[in-house]
C-alpha atoms as a PDB file:
ATOM      1  CA  MET A   1      17.226 127.806  78.329  1.00  0.00           C
ATOM      2  CA  ALA A   2      16.277 124.979  75.982  1.00  0.00           C
ATOM      3  CA  TYR A   3      17.582 121.470  76.478  1.00  0.00           C
ATOM      4  CA  PRO A   4      18.192 119.875  73.082  1.00  0.00           C
ATOM      5  CA  GLY A   5      16.507 116.565  72.557  1.00  0.00           C
ATOM      6  CA  TYR A   6      13.850 117.148  75.210  1.00  0.00           C
ATOM      7  CA  GLY A   7      11.942 120.148  73.882  1.00  0.00           C
ATOM      8  CA  GLY A   8      13.064 122.569  76.562  1.00  0.00           C
ATOM      9  CA  ALA A   9      13.314 122.403  80.317  1.00  0.00           C
ATOM     10  CA  PRO A  10      10.965 124.013  82.796  1.00  0.00           C
ATOM     11  CA  GLN A  11      11.474 127.724  83.444  1.00  0.00           C
ATOM     12  CA  ASP A  12      13.237 126.973  86.696  1.00  0.00           C
ATOM     13  CA  ALA A  13      14.539 123.445  86.294  1.00  0.00           C
ATOM     14  CA  TRP A  14      16.181 123.726  89.722  1.00  0.00           C
ATOM     15  CA  ALA A  15      12.830 124.014  91.470  1.00  0.00           C
ATOM     16  CA  PRO A  16      10.856 120.799  91.065  1.00  0.00           C
ATOM     17  CA  SER A  17       7.307 121.034  92.369  1.00  0.00           C
ATOM     18  CA  ALA A  18       4.595 118.566  93.294  1.00  0.00           C
ATOM     19  CA  PRO A  19       4.518 115.301  91.311  1.00  0.00           C
ATOM     20  CA  GLY A  20       1.924 114.420  88.769  1.00  0.00           C
ATOM     21  CA  PRO A  21       0.834 115.496  85.353  1.00  0.00           C
ATOM     22  CA  GLY A  22      -0.948 118.747  84.824  1.00  0.00           C
ATOM     23  CA  MET A  23       0.846 122.040  85.034  1.00  0.00           C
ATOM     24  CA  ASP A  24       4.057 120.948  86.766  1.00  0.00           C
ATOM     25  CA  PRO A  25       6.839 121.925  84.302  1.00  0.00           C
ATOM     26  CA  PHE A  26       9.396 119.711  86.055  1.00  0.00           C
ATOM     27  CA  TYR A  27       7.124 116.682  85.679  1.00  0.00           C
ATOM     28  CA  GLN A  28       6.647 117.562  82.017  1.00  0.00           C
ATOM     29  CA  TYR A  29      10.427 117.733  81.601  1.00  0.00           C
ATOM     30  CA  PHE A  30      10.792 114.376  83.351  1.00  0.00           C
ATOM     31  CA  SER A  31       8.176 112.892  81.007  1.00  0.00           C
ATOM     32  CA  ARG A  32      10.077 114.063  77.938  1.00  0.00           C
ATOM     33  CA  VAL A  33      13.328 112.618  79.257  1.00  0.00           C
ATOM     34  CA  ALA A  34      11.753 109.345  80.420  1.00  0.00           C
ATOM     35  CA  GLY A  35       9.686 108.631  77.336  1.00  0.00           C
ATOM     36  CA  SER A  36       6.708 106.333  77.146  1.00  0.00           C
ATOM     37  CA  ASP A  37       7.770 104.015  79.985  1.00  0.00           C
ATOM     38  CA  GLN A  38       8.063 106.995  82.403  1.00  0.00           C
ATOM     39  CA  GLN A  39      11.339 105.594  83.733  1.00  0.00           C
ATOM     40  CA  ILE A  40      14.799 107.030  83.105  1.00  0.00           C
ATOM     41  CA  SER A  41      17.446 104.521  82.059  1.00  0.00           C
ATOM     42  CA  VAL A  42      21.152 105.095  82.488  1.00  0.00           C
ATOM     43  CA  LEU A  43      21.475 106.152  78.826  1.00  0.00           C
ATOM     44  CA  GLU A  44      18.529 108.557  79.114  1.00  0.00           C
ATOM     45  CA  LEU A  45      20.094 110.011  82.269  1.00  0.00           C
ATOM     46  CA  GLN A  46      23.430 110.484  80.507  1.00  0.00           C
ATOM     47  CA  LYS A  47      21.749 112.204  77.545  1.00  0.00           C
ATOM     48  CA  CYS A  48      19.759 114.437  79.890  1.00  0.00           C
ATOM     49  CA  LEU A  49      22.811 115.440  81.955  1.00  0.00           C
ATOM     50  CA  ASN A  50      24.978 116.019  78.905  1.00  0.00           C
ATOM     51  CA  THR A  51      22.430 118.471  77.480  1.00  0.00           C
ATOM     52  CA  LEU A  52      23.058 120.731  80.489  1.00  0.00           C
ATOM     53  CA  GLY A  53      26.398 121.737  78.965  1.00  0.00           C
ATOM     54  CA  TRP A  54      28.451 121.587  82.175  1.00  0.00           C
ATOM     55  CA  VAL A  55      30.629 118.596  81.384  1.00  0.00           C
ATOM     56  CA  ASN A  56      30.225 115.316  79.550  1.00  0.00           C
ATOM     57  CA  PHE A  57      28.974 112.918  82.185  1.00  0.00           C
ATOM     58  CA  SER A  58      30.514 109.480  81.856  1.00  0.00           C
ATOM     59  CA  LEU A  59      28.357 106.396  81.620  1.00  0.00           C
ATOM     60  CA  ASN A  60      30.107 105.169  84.791  1.00  0.00           C
ATOM     61  CA  THR A  61      28.976 108.235  86.763  1.00  0.00           C
ATOM     62  CA  CYS A  62      25.433 107.853  85.428  1.00  0.00           C
ATOM     63  CA  HIS A  63      25.411 104.219  86.606  1.00  0.00           C
ATOM     64  CA  ILE A  64      26.600 105.353  90.037  1.00  0.00           C
ATOM     65  CA  ILE A  65      23.898 108.052  90.198  1.00  0.00           C
ATOM     66  CA  LEU A  66      21.244 105.535  89.256  1.00  0.00           C
ATOM     67  CA  ASP A  67      22.548 103.006  91.802  1.00  0.00           C
ATOM     68  CA  MET A  68      22.473 105.682  94.522  1.00  0.00           C
ATOM     69  CA  LEU A  69      18.741 106.284  94.022  1.00  0.00           C
ATOM     70  CA  ASP A  70      17.465 102.956  92.724  1.00  0.00           C
ATOM     71  CA  ARG A  71      15.705 101.739  95.856  1.00  0.00           C
ATOM     72  CA  ASP A  72      13.440  99.344  93.953  1.00  0.00           C
ATOM     73  CA  TYR A  73      16.391  97.806  92.019  1.00  0.00           C
ATOM     74  CA  SER A  74      14.669  98.442  88.690  1.00  0.00           C
ATOM     75  CA  GLU A  75      17.870  99.872  87.163  1.00  0.00           C
ATOM     76  CA  GLN A  76      15.778 102.887  86.209  1.00  0.00           C
ATOM     77  CA  MET A  77      14.754 106.138  87.835  1.00  0.00           C
ATOM     78  CA  GLY A  78      11.140 107.150  88.385  1.00  0.00           C
ATOM     79  CA  TYR A  79       9.825 110.670  88.876  1.00  0.00           C
ATOM     80  CA  ASN A  80      10.399 110.847  92.656  1.00  0.00           C
ATOM     81  CA  GLU A  81      13.948 109.486  92.326  1.00  0.00           C
ATOM     82  CA  PHE A  82      14.691 111.933  89.492  1.00  0.00           C
ATOM     83  CA  LYS A  83      13.265 114.821  91.517  1.00  0.00           C
ATOM     84  CA  GLU A  84      15.372 113.841  94.545  1.00  0.00           C
ATOM     85  CA  PHE A  85      18.465 113.604  92.355  1.00  0.00           C
ATOM     86  CA  TRP A  86      17.791 116.997  90.753  1.00  0.00           C
ATOM     87  CA  VAL A  87      17.770 118.699  94.174  1.00  0.00           C
ATOM     88  CA  VAL A  88      21.077 117.051  95.159  1.00  0.00           C
ATOM     89  CA  LEU A  89      22.623 117.790  91.762  1.00  0.00           C
ATOM     90  CA  LYS A  90      21.753 121.470  92.231  1.00  0.00           C
ATOM     91  CA  GLN A  91      23.552 121.522  95.600  1.00  0.00           C
ATOM     92  CA  TRP A  92      26.606 119.791  94.149  1.00  0.00           C
ATOM     93  CA  LYS A  93      26.748 122.160  91.172  1.00  0.00           C
ATOM     94  CA  GLU A  94      26.420 125.266  93.357  1.00  0.00           C
ATOM     95  CA  THR A  95      29.183 124.024  95.654  1.00  0.00           C
ATOM     96  CA  PHE A  96      31.416 123.053  92.734  1.00  0.00           C
ATOM     97  CA  ASP A  97      30.962 126.489  91.133  1.00  0.00           C
ATOM     98  CA  ARG A  98      31.672 128.255  94.424  1.00  0.00           C
ATOM     99  CA  TYR A  99      35.026 126.451  94.768  1.00  0.00           C
ATOM    100  CA  ASP A 100      36.052 126.589  91.106  1.00  0.00           C
ATOM    101  CA  LEU A 101      37.660 129.927  91.918  1.00  0.00           C
ATOM    102  CA  ASN A 102      39.493 130.382  88.618  1.00  0.00           C
ATOM    103  CA  ARG A 103      36.471 129.197  86.536  1.00  0.00           C
ATOM    104  CA  THR A 104      38.379 126.477  84.694  1.00  0.00           C
ATOM    105  CA  GLY A 105      35.719 123.794  85.099  1.00  0.00           C
ATOM    106  CA  TYR A 106      37.945 122.013  87.622  1.00  0.00           C
ATOM    107  CA  ILE A 107      38.489 122.204  91.353  1.00  0.00           C
ATOM    108  CA  GLU A 108      41.945 121.497  92.663  1.00  0.00           C
ATOM    109  CA  GLY A 109      43.117 119.918  95.913  1.00  0.00           C
ATOM    110  CA  PRO A 110      42.629 122.784  98.393  1.00  0.00           C
ATOM    111  CA  GLU A 111      39.347 123.851  96.724  1.00  0.00           C
ATOM    112  CA  PHE A 112      38.108 120.259  96.827  1.00  0.00           C
ATOM    113  CA  HIS A 113      39.102 119.913 100.476  1.00  0.00           C
ATOM    114  CA  ASN A 114      37.151 123.089 101.332  1.00  0.00           C
ATOM    115  CA  ALA A 115      34.105 121.846  99.401  1.00  0.00           C
ATOM    116  CA  LEU A 116      34.185 118.602 101.389  1.00  0.00           C
ATOM    117  CA  ARG A 117      34.392 120.588 104.623  1.00  0.00           C
ATOM    118  CA  GLU A 118      31.316 122.532 103.546  1.00  0.00           C
ATOM    119  CA  PHE A 119      29.506 119.201 103.172  1.00  0.00           C
ATOM    120  CA  GLY A 120      30.535 118.347 106.743  1.00  0.00           C
ATOM    121  CA  TYR A 121      33.364 115.915 106.012  1.00  0.00           C
ATOM    122  CA  ASN A 122      36.380 116.273 108.285  1.00  0.00           C
ATOM    123  CA  LEU A 123      38.947 114.437 106.182  1.00  0.00           C
ATOM    124  CA  SER A 124      42.719 114.578 106.173  1.00  0.00           C
ATOM    125  CA  PRO A 125      44.725 116.160 103.355  1.00  0.00           C
ATOM    126  CA  GLN A 126      46.159 112.688 102.728  1.00  0.00           C
ATOM    127  CA  PHE A 127      42.668 111.293 102.120  1.00  0.00           C
ATOM    128  CA  VAL A 128      41.815 114.196  99.804  1.00  0.00           C
ATOM    129  CA  GLY A 129      45.038 113.523  97.888  1.00  0.00           C
ATOM    130  CA  LEU A 130      44.101 109.856  97.573  1.00  0.00           C
ATOM    131  CA  VAL A 131      40.655 110.768  96.215  1.00  0.00           C
ATOM    132  CA  LEU A 132      42.213 113.125  93.676  1.00  0.00           C
ATOM    133  CA  TYR A 133      44.640 110.411  92.654  1.00  0.00           C
ATOM    134  CA  LYS A 134      41.848 107.860  92.274  1.00  0.00           C
ATOM    135  CA  PHE A 135      39.385 110.021  90.312  1.00  0.00           C
ATOM    136  CA  ASP A 136      41.621 112.330  88.243  1.00  0.00           C
ATOM    137  CA  PHE A 137      43.184 109.982  85.719  1.00  0.00           C
ATOM    138  CA  GLU A 138      45.242 112.689  84.002  1.00  0.00           C
ATOM    139  CA  THR A 139      46.987 115.045  86.431  1.00  0.00           C
ATOM    140  CA  ARG A 140      46.010 113.527  89.801  1.00  0.00           C
ATOM    141  CA  ARG A 141      45.431 117.069  91.120  1.00  0.00           C
ATOM    142  CA  LYS A 142      41.981 118.271  90.044  1.00  0.00           C
ATOM    143  CA  LEU A 143      38.416 117.129  89.383  1.00  0.00           C
ATOM    144  CA  ASN A 144      35.888 118.146  86.763  1.00  0.00           C
ATOM    145  CA  PHE A 145      32.195 118.168  87.676  1.00  0.00           C
ATOM    146  CA  ASP A 146      31.624 114.562  86.557  1.00  0.00           C
ATOM    147  CA  GLN A 147      34.467 113.387  88.795  1.00  0.00           C
ATOM    148  CA  PHE A 148      33.232 115.620  91.621  1.00  0.00           C
ATOM    149  CA  VAL A 149      29.748 114.052  91.458  1.00  0.00           C
ATOM    150  CA  ASN A 150      31.317 110.603  91.422  1.00  0.00           C
ATOM    151  CA  THR A 151      33.346 111.359  94.566  1.00  0.00           C
ATOM    152  CA  CYS A 152      30.367 112.939  96.345  1.00  0.00           C
ATOM    153  CA  ILE A 153      28.307 109.795  95.773  1.00  0.00           C
ATOM    154  CA  MET A 154      31.145 107.584  96.983  1.00  0.00           C
ATOM    155  CA  LEU A 155      31.702 109.665 100.123  1.00  0.00           C
ATOM    156  CA  LYS A 156      27.994 109.776 100.939  1.00  0.00           C
ATOM    157  CA  GLY A 157      27.623 106.030 100.470  1.00  0.00           C
ATOM    158  CA  LEU A 158      30.678 105.147 102.535  1.00  0.00           C
ATOM    159  CA  THR A 159      29.623 107.569 105.271  1.00  0.00           C
ATOM    160  CA  ASP A 160      26.106 106.100 105.353  1.00  0.00           C
ATOM    161  CA  HIS A 161      27.535 102.573 105.670  1.00  0.00           C
ATOM    162  CA  PHE A 162      29.891 103.694 108.445  1.00  0.00           C
ATOM    163  CA  ARG A 163      27.150 105.520 110.373  1.00  0.00           C
ATOM    164  CA  HIS A 164      24.968 102.441 110.204  1.00  0.00           C
ATOM    165  CA  ARG A 165      27.711 100.476 111.953  1.00  0.00           C
ATOM    166  CA  ASP A 166      28.646 103.261 114.405  1.00  0.00           C
ATOM    167  CA  ALA A 167      25.920 102.417 116.927  1.00  0.00           C
ATOM    168  CA  THR A 168      27.128 104.927 119.533  1.00  0.00           C
ATOM    169  CA  GLN A 169      27.788 107.700 116.957  1.00  0.00           C
ATOM    170  CA  THR A 170      31.293 108.226 118.346  1.00  0.00           C
ATOM    171  CA  GLY A 171      33.203 107.877 115.106  1.00  0.00           C
ATOM    172  CA  HIS A 172      34.122 104.260 115.764  1.00  0.00           C
ATOM    173  CA  ALA A 173      32.521 101.265 114.102  1.00  0.00           C
ATOM    174  CA  LYS A 174      32.965  97.512 114.140  1.00  0.00           C
ATOM    175  CA  PHE A 175      33.228  95.676 110.851  1.00  0.00           C
ATOM    176  CA  ASN A 176      33.827  92.020 110.374  1.00  0.00           C
ATOM    177  CA  TYR A 177      35.898  91.043 107.356  1.00  0.00           C
ATOM    178  CA  ASP A 178      32.958  90.034 105.149  1.00  0.00           C
ATOM    179  CA  ASP A 179      31.039  93.218 106.042  1.00  0.00           C
ATOM    180  CA  PHE A 180      34.053  95.364 105.191  1.00  0.00           C
ATOM    181  CA  MET A 181      34.545  93.555 101.874  1.00  0.00           C
ATOM    182  CA  GLN A 182      30.890  94.052 100.923  1.00  0.00           C
ATOM    183  CA  VAL A 183      31.174  97.798 101.522  1.00  0.00           C
ATOM    184  CA  ALA A 184      34.465  97.934  99.604  1.00  0.00           C
ATOM    185  CA  VAL A 185      33.059  96.068  96.599  1.00  0.00           C
ATOM    186  CA  THR A 186      29.948  98.253  96.599  1.00  0.00           C
ATOM    187  CA  PHE A 187      32.107 101.310  95.963  1.00  0.00           C
ATOM    188  CA  ALA A 188      34.844  99.764  93.819  1.00  0.00           C
ATOM    189  CA  PRO A 189      35.043 101.230  90.303  1.00  0.00           C
END
């Protein structure tokens, strides 16, 4: 499958191999996407993702993806970050497709809840309803893949912050007001 604008993707774009130039097709694909600076900006990421043909990824989701992986705060993604993202994106896409039972390009409430359970989240139906309400701006009942990715990143980030504060790993954490507000602002749209 060719990816317009980048001269074609590696034969198996889902299987990145060892970093570095040479014969690694995934690295070659990364190089085409990243350009001469060998860093992927938010706009380059959006263009890359939108060539996959699954859904039009919003600039907001691309910013969130970049923020999730941008450990050096460069506001860009290097090869290792892109490779890490590609592996996670594959898992999210496979899960999304498995729960999009009617093949509409959307997963609805019960499908979404089951997908979250597969990821290991034990969340109430009320919470799932709230997430659908927050991320589906049209019907408040279903998510496309862009919205699904956005929610997965939010849930992972919030869970990581909670686990960090749950010293005994019992499902209970202590937050002071400022700490709570910092976490809330981090994940505010």
